[in-house]
Amino acid sequence: GVIDNGLMRICEMVMLVPGFYLLLALRAAFPPELSSVKVYMLIVFILSFIGWAGLARVIRGMAKSLRESEFVLAAKVIGQNHT
């Protein structure tokens, strides 16, 4: 529906950012007095926040393919509801 469509557009916008350029921009944005460990942890956190978009698209595709499976159709035929 509308929520699914909106979330996928957000995923696509997040996936538009190239990883290498993002790393360069992040390192330049952090103050130079931060230790290497803190910079590393911040970059890992930000990259993991961005990495969810690809996984979300894969899971959405799997859920949509399962929705069209024969066992789902059989459950609908015998009267099961969608919950």
PDB file of N, CA and C in Angstrom:
ATOM      1  N   GLY A   1       0.796  -1.171   0.000  1.00  0.00           N
ATOM      2  CA  GLY A   1       0.000   0.000   0.000  1.00  0.00           C
ATOM      3  C   GLY A   1       0.852   1.253   0.000  1.00  0.00           C
ATOM      4  N   VAL A   2       0.307   2.270   0.566  1.00  0.00           N
ATOM      5  CA  VAL A   2       0.956   3.580   0.608  1.00  0.00           C
ATOM      6  C   VAL A   2       2.193   3.549   1.505  1.00  0.00           C
ATOM      7  N   ILE A   3       2.093   2.880   2.646  1.00  0.00           N
ATOM      8  CA  ILE A   3       3.235   2.810   3.564  1.00  0.00           C
ATOM      9  C   ILE A   3       4.382   2.033   2.934  1.00  0.00           C
ATOM     10  N   ASP A   4       4.057   0.913   2.305  1.00  0.00           N
ATOM     11  CA  ASP A   4       5.079   0.102   1.634  1.00  0.00           C
ATOM     12  C   ASP A   4       5.768   0.902   0.533  1.00  0.00           C
ATOM     13  N   ASN A   5       4.997   1.598  -0.239  1.00  0.00           N
ATOM     14  CA  ASN A   5       5.558   2.417  -1.320  1.00  0.00           C
ATOM     15  C   ASN A   5       6.446   3.530  -0.763  1.00  0.00           C
ATOM     16  N   GLY A   6       6.017   4.178   0.289  1.00  0.00           N
ATOM     17  CA  GLY A   6       6.812   5.240   0.900  1.00  0.00           C
ATOM     18  C   GLY A   6       8.121   4.722   1.485  1.00  0.00           C
ATOM     19  N   LEU A   7       8.056   3.565   2.167  1.00  0.00           N
ATOM     20  CA  LEU A   7       9.280   2.993   2.732  1.00  0.00           C
ATOM     21  C   LEU A   7      10.269   2.576   1.647  1.00  0.00           C
ATOM     22  N   MET A   8       9.774   2.056   0.543  1.00  0.00           N
ATOM     23  CA  MET A   8      10.682   1.662  -0.533  1.00  0.00           C
ATOM     24  C   MET A   8      11.327   2.879  -1.193  1.00  0.00           C
ATOM     25  N   ARG A   9      10.603   3.994  -1.277  1.00  0.00           N
ATOM     26  CA  ARG A   9      11.213   5.215  -1.830  1.00  0.00           C
ATOM     27  C   ARG A   9      12.301   5.737  -0.890  1.00  0.00           C
ATOM     28  N   ILE A  10      12.082   5.620   0.419  1.00  0.00           N
ATOM     29  CA  ILE A  10      13.104   6.018   1.389  1.00  0.00           C
ATOM     30  C   ILE A  10      14.322   5.106   1.256  1.00  0.00           C
ATOM     31  N   CYS A  11      14.091   3.800   1.091  1.00  0.00           N
ATOM     32  CA  CYS A  11      15.202   2.860   0.893  1.00  0.00           C
ATOM     33  C   CYS A  11      16.013   3.228  -0.340  1.00  0.00           C
ATOM     34  N   GLU A  12      15.342   3.579  -1.407  1.00  0.00           N
ATOM     35  CA  GLU A  12      16.050   3.940  -2.633  1.00  0.00           C
ATOM     36  C   GLU A  12      16.871   5.215  -2.453  1.00  0.00           C
ATOM     37  N   MET A  13      16.350   6.173  -1.703  1.00  0.00           N
ATOM     38  CA  MET A  13      17.116   7.392  -1.465  1.00  0.00           C
ATOM     39  C   MET A  13      18.352   7.111  -0.616  1.00  0.00           C
ATOM     40  N   VAL A  14      18.227   6.231   0.359  1.00  0.00           N
ATOM     41  CA  VAL A  14      19.372   5.869   1.198  1.00  0.00           C
ATOM     42  C   VAL A  14      20.417   5.121   0.369  1.00  0.00           C
ATOM     43  N   MET A  15      19.962   4.272  -0.549  1.00  0.00           N
ATOM     44  CA  MET A  15      20.890   3.486  -1.361  1.00  0.00           C
ATOM     45  C   MET A  15      21.585   4.319  -2.429  1.00  0.00           C
ATOM     46  N   LEU A  16      21.120   5.528  -2.679  1.00  0.00           N
ATOM     47  CA  LEU A  16      21.758   6.390  -3.671  1.00  0.00           C
ATOM     48  C   LEU A  16      23.137   6.877  -3.244  1.00  0.00           C
ATOM     49  N   VAL A  17      23.399   6.903  -1.949  1.00  0.00           N
ATOM     50  CA  VAL A  17      24.654   7.447  -1.442  1.00  0.00           C
ATOM     51  C   VAL A  17      25.768   6.421  -1.657  1.00  0.00           C
ATOM     52  N   PRO A  18      26.802   6.753  -2.438  1.00  0.00           N
ATOM     53  CA  PRO A  18      27.915   5.810  -2.635  1.00  0.00           C
ATOM     54  C   PRO A  18      28.733   5.656  -1.353  1.00  0.00           C
ATOM     55  N   GLY A  19      29.121   4.438  -1.047  1.00  0.00           N
ATOM     56  CA  GLY A  19      29.795   4.151   0.206  1.00  0.00           C
ATOM     57  C   GLY A  19      31.149   4.820   0.357  1.00  0.00           C
ATOM     58  N   PHE A  20      31.980   4.807  -0.676  1.00  0.00           N
ATOM     59  CA  PHE A  20      33.324   5.363  -0.574  1.00  0.00           C
ATOM     60  C   PHE A  20      33.282   6.863  -0.325  1.00  0.00           C
ATOM     61  N   TYR A  21      32.455   7.563  -1.081  1.00  0.00           N
ATOM     62  CA  TYR A  21      32.353   9.011  -0.895  1.00  0.00           C
ATOM     63  C   TYR A  21      31.748   9.360   0.459  1.00  0.00           C
ATOM     64  N   LEU A  22      30.860   8.515   0.917  1.00  0.00           N
ATOM     65  CA  LEU A  22      30.290   8.719   2.248  1.00  0.00           C
ATOM     66  C   LEU A  22      31.378   8.586   3.317  1.00  0.00           C
ATOM     67  N   LEU A  23      32.248   7.592   3.188  1.00  0.00           N
ATOM     68  CA  LEU A  23      33.340   7.431   4.146  1.00  0.00           C
ATOM     69  C   LEU A  23      34.259   8.644   4.156  1.00  0.00           C
ATOM     70  N   LEU A  24      34.600   9.140   2.976  1.00  0.00           N
ATOM     71  CA  LEU A  24      35.457  10.322   2.906  1.00  0.00           C
ATOM     72  C   LEU A  24      34.787  11.535   3.547  1.00  0.00           C
ATOM     73  N   ALA A  25      33.526  11.717   3.265  1.00  0.00           N
ATOM     74  CA  ALA A  25      32.799  12.859   3.827  1.00  0.00           C
ATOM     75  C   ALA A  25      32.667  12.734   5.343  1.00  0.00           C
ATOM     76  N   LEU A  26      32.429  11.519   5.825  1.00  0.00           N
ATOM     77  CA  LEU A  26      32.304  11.323   7.262  1.00  0.00           C
ATOM     78  C   LEU A  26      33.609  11.621   7.983  1.00  0.00           C
ATOM     79  N   ARG A  27      34.711  11.139   7.423  1.00  0.00           N
ATOM     80  CA  ARG A  27      36.001  11.381   8.077  1.00  0.00           C
ATOM     81  C   ARG A  27      36.332  12.866   8.091  1.00  0.00           C
ATOM     82  N   ALA A  28      35.980  13.559   7.047  1.00  0.00           N
ATOM     83  CA  ALA A  28      36.243  14.995   7.004  1.00  0.00           C
ATOM     84  C   ALA A  28      35.316  15.762   7.947  1.00  0.00           C
ATOM     85  N   ALA A  29      34.142  15.220   8.199  1.00  0.00           N
ATOM     86  CA  ALA A  29      33.176  15.923   9.046  1.00  0.00           C
ATOM     87  C   ALA A  29      33.481  15.786  10.534  1.00  0.00           C
ATOM     88  N   PHE A  30      34.142  14.704  10.926  1.00  0.00           N
ATOM     89  CA  PHE A  30      34.450  14.515  12.341  1.00  0.00           C
ATOM     90  C   PHE A  30      35.611  15.414  12.750  1.00  0.00           C
ATOM     91  N   PRO A  31      35.589  15.906  13.979  1.00  0.00           N
ATOM     92  CA  PRO A  31      36.700  16.752  14.435  1.00  0.00           C
ATOM     93  C   PRO A  31      38.002  15.954  14.506  1.00  0.00           C
ATOM     94  N   PRO A  32      39.126  16.592  14.208  1.00  0.00           N
ATOM     95  CA  PRO A  32      40.405  15.868  14.189  1.00  0.00           C
ATOM     96  C   PRO A  32      40.869  15.392  15.560  1.00  0.00           C
ATOM     97  N   GLU A  33      40.334  15.949  16.638  1.00  0.00           N
ATOM     98  CA  GLU A  33      40.786  15.523  17.966  1.00  0.00           C
ATOM     99  C   GLU A  33      40.132  14.231  18.454  1.00  0.00           C
ATOM    100  N   LEU A  34      39.188  13.685  17.681  1.00  0.00           N
ATOM    101  CA  LEU A  34      38.590  12.399  18.052  1.00  0.00           C
ATOM    102  C   LEU A  34      39.620  11.288  17.869  1.00  0.00           C
ATOM    103  N   SER A  35      39.565  10.318  18.758  1.00  0.00           N
ATOM    104  CA  SER A  35      40.487   9.188  18.630  1.00  0.00           C
ATOM    105  C   SER A  35      40.064   8.295  17.466  1.00  0.00           C
ATOM    106  N   SER A  36      40.981   7.470  17.016  1.00  0.00           N
ATOM    107  CA  SER A  36      40.698   6.577  15.889  1.00  0.00           C
ATOM    108  C   SER A  36      39.584   5.599  16.211  1.00  0.00           C
ATOM    109  N   VAL A  37      39.539   5.146  17.453  1.00  0.00           N
ATOM    110  CA  VAL A  37      38.507   4.186  17.857  1.00  0.00           C
ATOM    111  C   VAL A  37      37.130   4.840  17.793  1.00  0.00           C
ATOM    112  N   LYS A  38      37.011   6.061  18.254  1.00  0.00           N
ATOM    113  CA  LYS A  38      35.718   6.756  18.216  1.00  0.00           C
ATOM    114  C   LYS A  38      35.286   7.021  16.783  1.00  0.00           C
ATOM    115  N   VAL A  39      36.221   7.415  15.938  1.00  0.00           N
ATOM    116  CA  VAL A  39      35.889   7.650  14.531  1.00  0.00           C
ATOM    117  C   VAL A  39      35.440   6.347  13.882  1.00  0.00           C
ATOM    118  N   TYR A  40      36.151   5.261  14.171  1.00  0.00           N
ATOM    119  CA  TYR A  40      35.792   3.951  13.621  1.00  0.00           C
ATOM    120  C   TYR A  40      34.389   3.548  14.056  1.00  0.00           C
ATOM    121  N   MET A  41      34.094   3.701  15.331  1.00  0.00           N
ATOM    122  CA  MET A  41      32.774   3.310  15.834  1.00  0.00           C
ATOM    123  C   MET A  41      31.665   4.169  15.222  1.00  0.00           C
ATOM    124  N   LEU A  42      31.913   5.455  15.061  1.00  0.00           N
ATOM    125  CA  LEU A  42      30.912   6.323  14.437  1.00  0.00           C
ATOM    126  C   LEU A  42      30.671   5.936  12.977  1.00  0.00           C
ATOM    127  N   ILE A  43      31.732   5.642  12.259  1.00  0.00           N
ATOM    128  CA  ILE A  43      31.584   5.264  10.856  1.00  0.00           C
ATOM    129  C   ILE A  43      30.864   3.927  10.738  1.00  0.00           C
ATOM    130  N   VAL A  44      31.189   2.964  11.600  1.00  0.00           N
ATOM    131  CA  VAL A  44      30.493   1.672  11.580  1.00  0.00           C
ATOM    132  C   VAL A  44      29.014   1.866  11.874  1.00  0.00           C
ATOM    133  N   PHE A  45      28.695   2.701  12.845  1.00  0.00           N
ATOM    134  CA  PHE A  45      27.293   2.956  13.180  1.00  0.00           C
ATOM    135  C   PHE A  45      26.551   3.573  11.997  1.00  0.00           C
ATOM    136  N   ILE A  46      27.144   4.561  11.362  1.00  0.00           N
ATOM    137  CA  ILE A  46      26.475   5.242  10.247  1.00  0.00           C
ATOM    138  C   ILE A  46      26.329   4.317   9.046  1.00  0.00           C
ATOM    139  N   LEU A  47      27.360   3.535   8.750  1.00  0.00           N
ATOM    140  CA  LEU A  47      27.259   2.601   7.625  1.00  0.00           C
ATOM    141  C   LEU A  47      26.238   1.496   7.888  1.00  0.00           C
ATOM    142  N   SER A  48      26.129   1.052   9.132  1.00  0.00           N
ATOM    143  CA  SER A  48      25.111   0.042   9.431  1.00  0.00           C
ATOM    144  C   SER A  48      23.714   0.644   9.330  1.00  0.00           C
ATOM    145  N   PHE A  49      23.575   1.912   9.663  1.00  0.00           N
ATOM    146  CA  PHE A  49      22.287   2.582   9.509  1.00  0.00           C
ATOM    147  C   PHE A  49      21.900   2.671   8.031  1.00  0.00           C
ATOM    148  N   ILE A  50      22.883   2.874   7.169  1.00  0.00           N
ATOM    149  CA  ILE A  50      22.614   2.970   5.739  1.00  0.00           C
ATOM    150  C   ILE A  50      22.435   1.585   5.116  1.00  0.00           C
ATOM    151  N   GLY A  51      23.072   0.570   5.679  1.00  0.00           N
ATOM    152  CA  GLY A  51      23.033  -0.771   5.107  1.00  0.00           C
ATOM    153  C   GLY A  51      21.690  -1.477   5.199  1.00  0.00           C
ATOM    154  N   TRP A  52      20.779  -0.979   5.992  1.00  0.00           N
ATOM    155  CA  TRP A  52      19.501  -1.656   6.147  1.00  0.00           C
ATOM    156  C   TRP A  52      18.655  -1.600   4.879  1.00  0.00           C
ATOM    157  N   ALA A  53      18.913  -0.640   4.016  1.00  0.00           N
ATOM    158  CA  ALA A  53      18.050  -0.440   2.849  1.00  0.00           C
ATOM    159  C   ALA A  53      18.105  -1.623   1.885  1.00  0.00           C
ATOM    160  N   GLY A  54      19.279  -2.133   1.619  1.00  0.00           N
ATOM    161  CA  GLY A  54      19.388  -3.280   0.709  1.00  0.00           C
ATOM    162  C   GLY A  54      18.711  -4.510   1.271  1.00  0.00           C
ATOM    163  N   LEU A  55      18.896  -4.747   2.553  1.00  0.00           N
ATOM    164  CA  LEU A  55      18.265  -5.894   3.194  1.00  0.00           C
ATOM    165  C   LEU A  55      16.742  -5.748   3.215  1.00  0.00           C
ATOM    166  N   ALA A  56      16.266  -4.549   3.402  1.00  0.00           N
ATOM    167  CA  ALA A  56      14.820  -4.314   3.411  1.00  0.00           C
ATOM    168  C   ALA A  56      14.203  -4.637   2.057  1.00  0.00           C
ATOM    169  N   ARG A  57      14.910  -4.313   0.981  1.00  0.00           N
ATOM    170  CA  ARG A  57      14.394  -4.625  -0.362  1.00  0.00           C
ATOM    171  C   ARG A  57      14.348  -6.125  -0.607  1.00  0.00           C
ATOM    172  N   VAL A  58      15.363  -6.845  -0.140  1.00  0.00           N
ATOM    173  CA  VAL A  58      15.395  -8.304  -0.299  1.00  0.00           C
ATOM    174  C   VAL A  58      14.253  -8.950   0.473  1.00  0.00           C
ATOM    175  N   ILE A  59      14.052  -8.531   1.706  1.00  0.00           N
ATOM    176  CA  ILE A  59      12.989  -9.110   2.530  1.00  0.00           C
ATOM    177  C   ILE A  59      11.622  -8.790   1.949  1.00  0.00           C
ATOM    178  N   ARG A  60      11.445  -7.585   1.430  1.00  0.00           N
ATOM    179  CA  ARG A  60      10.167  -7.211   0.799  1.00  0.00           C
ATOM    180  C   ARG A  60       9.885  -8.099  -0.409  1.00  0.00           C
ATOM    181  N   GLY A  61      10.913  -8.346  -1.223  1.00  0.00           N
ATOM    182  CA  GLY A  61      10.742  -9.222  -2.386  1.00  0.00           C
ATOM    183  C   GLY A  61      10.390 -10.638  -1.992  1.00  0.00           C
ATOM    184  N   MET A  62      11.021 -11.140  -0.933  1.00  0.00           N
ATOM    185  CA  MET A  62      10.710 -12.495  -0.472  1.00  0.00           C
ATOM    186  C   MET A  62       9.284 -12.584   0.064  1.00  0.00           C
ATOM    187  N   ALA A  63       8.854 -11.563   0.789  1.00  0.00           N
ATOM    188  CA  ALA A  63       7.493 -11.564   1.333  1.00  0.00           C
ATOM    189  C   ALA A  63       6.463 -11.500   0.215  1.00  0.00           C
ATOM    190  N   LYS A  64       6.746 -10.698  -0.812  1.00  0.00           N
ATOM    191  CA  LYS A  64       5.804 -10.604  -1.935  1.00  0.00           C
ATOM    192  C   LYS A  64       5.745 -11.909  -2.721  1.00  0.00           C
ATOM    193  N   SER A  65       6.868 -12.605  -2.852  1.00  0.00           N
ATOM    194  CA  SER A  65       6.850 -13.880  -3.576  1.00  0.00           C
ATOM    195  C   SER A  65       6.133 -14.956  -2.771  1.00  0.00           C
ATOM    196  N   LEU A  66       6.279 -14.932  -1.439  1.00  0.00           N
ATOM    197  CA  LEU A  66       5.570 -15.909  -0.613  1.00  0.00           C
ATOM    198  C   LEU A  66       4.064 -15.678  -0.635  1.00  0.00           C
ATOM    199  N   ARG A  67       3.676 -14.429  -0.787  1.00  0.00           N
ATOM    200  CA  ARG A  67       2.247 -14.106  -0.815  1.00  0.00           C
ATOM    201  C   ARG A  67       1.552 -14.744  -2.012  1.00  0.00           C
ATOM    202  N   GLU A  68       2.303 -15.017  -3.070  1.00  0.00           N
ATOM    203  CA  GLU A  68       1.732 -15.609  -4.279  1.00  0.00           C
ATOM    204  C   GLU A  68       1.907 -17.135  -4.333  1.00  0.00           C
ATOM    205  N   SER A  69       2.381 -17.750  -3.264  1.00  0.00           N
ATOM    206  CA  SER A  69       2.631 -19.190  -3.245  1.00  0.00           C
ATOM    207  C   SER A  69       1.329 -19.981  -3.214  1.00  0.00           C
ATOM    208  N   GLU A  70       1.454 -21.265  -3.581  1.00  0.00           N
ATOM    209  CA  GLU A  70       0.266 -22.118  -3.636  1.00  0.00           C
ATOM    210  C   GLU A  70      -0.327 -22.373  -2.265  1.00  0.00           C
ATOM    211  N   PHE A  71       0.511 -22.498  -1.232  1.00  0.00           N
ATOM    212  CA  PHE A  71      -0.042 -22.775   0.093  1.00  0.00           C
ATOM    213  C   PHE A  71      -0.841 -21.597   0.625  1.00  0.00           C
ATOM    214  N   VAL A  72      -0.518 -20.372   0.206  1.00  0.00           N
ATOM    215  CA  VAL A  72      -1.304 -19.213   0.608  1.00  0.00           C
ATOM    216  C   VAL A  72      -2.660 -19.237  -0.104  1.00  0.00           C
ATOM    217  N   LEU A  73      -2.638 -19.569  -1.378  1.00  0.00           N
ATOM    218  CA  LEU A  73      -3.897 -19.693  -2.129  1.00  0.00           C
ATOM    219  C   LEU A  73      -4.766 -20.796  -1.538  1.00  0.00           C
ATOM    220  N   ALA A  74      -4.157 -21.920  -1.159  1.00  0.00           N
ATOM    221  CA  ALA A  74      -4.921 -23.015  -0.556  1.00  0.00           C
ATOM    222  C   ALA A  74      -5.537 -22.586   0.772  1.00  0.00           C
ATOM    223  N   ALA A  75      -4.805 -21.810   1.559  1.00  0.00           N
ATOM    224  CA  ALA A  75      -5.346 -21.330   2.835  1.00  0.00           C
ATOM    225  C   ALA A  75      -6.508 -20.382   2.597  1.00  0.00           C
ATOM    226  N   LYS A  76      -6.418 -19.541   1.572  1.00  0.00           N
ATOM    227  CA  LYS A  76      -7.527 -18.632   1.269  1.00  0.00           C
ATOM    228  C   LYS A  76      -8.759 -19.409   0.817  1.00  0.00           C
ATOM    229  N   VAL A  77      -8.543 -20.477   0.065  1.00  0.00           N
ATOM    230  CA  VAL A  77      -9.666 -21.267  -0.456  1.00  0.00           C
ATOM    231  C   VAL A  77     -10.418 -21.946   0.682  1.00  0.00           C
ATOM    232  N   ILE A  78      -9.687 -22.401   1.709  1.00  0.00           N
ATOM    233  CA  ILE A  78     -10.383 -23.076   2.812  1.00  0.00           C
ATOM    234  C   ILE A  78     -10.948 -22.099   3.847  1.00  0.00           C
ATOM    235  N   GLY A  79     -10.758 -20.801   3.615  1.00  0.00           N
ATOM    236  CA  GLY A  79     -11.427 -19.817   4.444  1.00  0.00           C
ATOM    237  C   GLY A  79     -10.578 -19.145   5.486  1.00  0.00           C
ATOM    238  N   GLN A  80      -9.283 -19.309   5.440  1.00  0.00           N
ATOM    239  CA  GLN A  80      -8.423 -18.633   6.401  1.00  0.00           C
ATOM    240  C   GLN A  80      -8.383 -17.136   6.096  1.00  0.00           C
ATOM    241  N   ASN A  81      -8.298 -16.318   7.151  1.00  0.00           N
ATOM    242  CA  ASN A  81      -8.193 -14.890   6.939  1.00  0.00           C
ATOM    243  C   ASN A  81      -6.725 -14.504   6.750  1.00  0.00           C
ATOM    244  N   HIS A  82      -6.445 -13.244   6.474  1.00  0.00           N
ATOM    245  CA  HIS A  82      -5.091 -12.794   6.145  1.00  0.00           C
ATOM    246  C   HIS A  82      -4.201 -12.551   7.357  1.00  0.00           C
ATOM    247  N   THR A  83      -4.707 -12.723   8.588  1.00  0.00           N
ATOM    248  CA  THR A  83      -3.872 -12.460   9.764  1.00  0.00           C
ATOM    249  C   THR A  83      -3.088 -13.647  10.213  1.00  0.00           C
TER     250      THR A  83
END
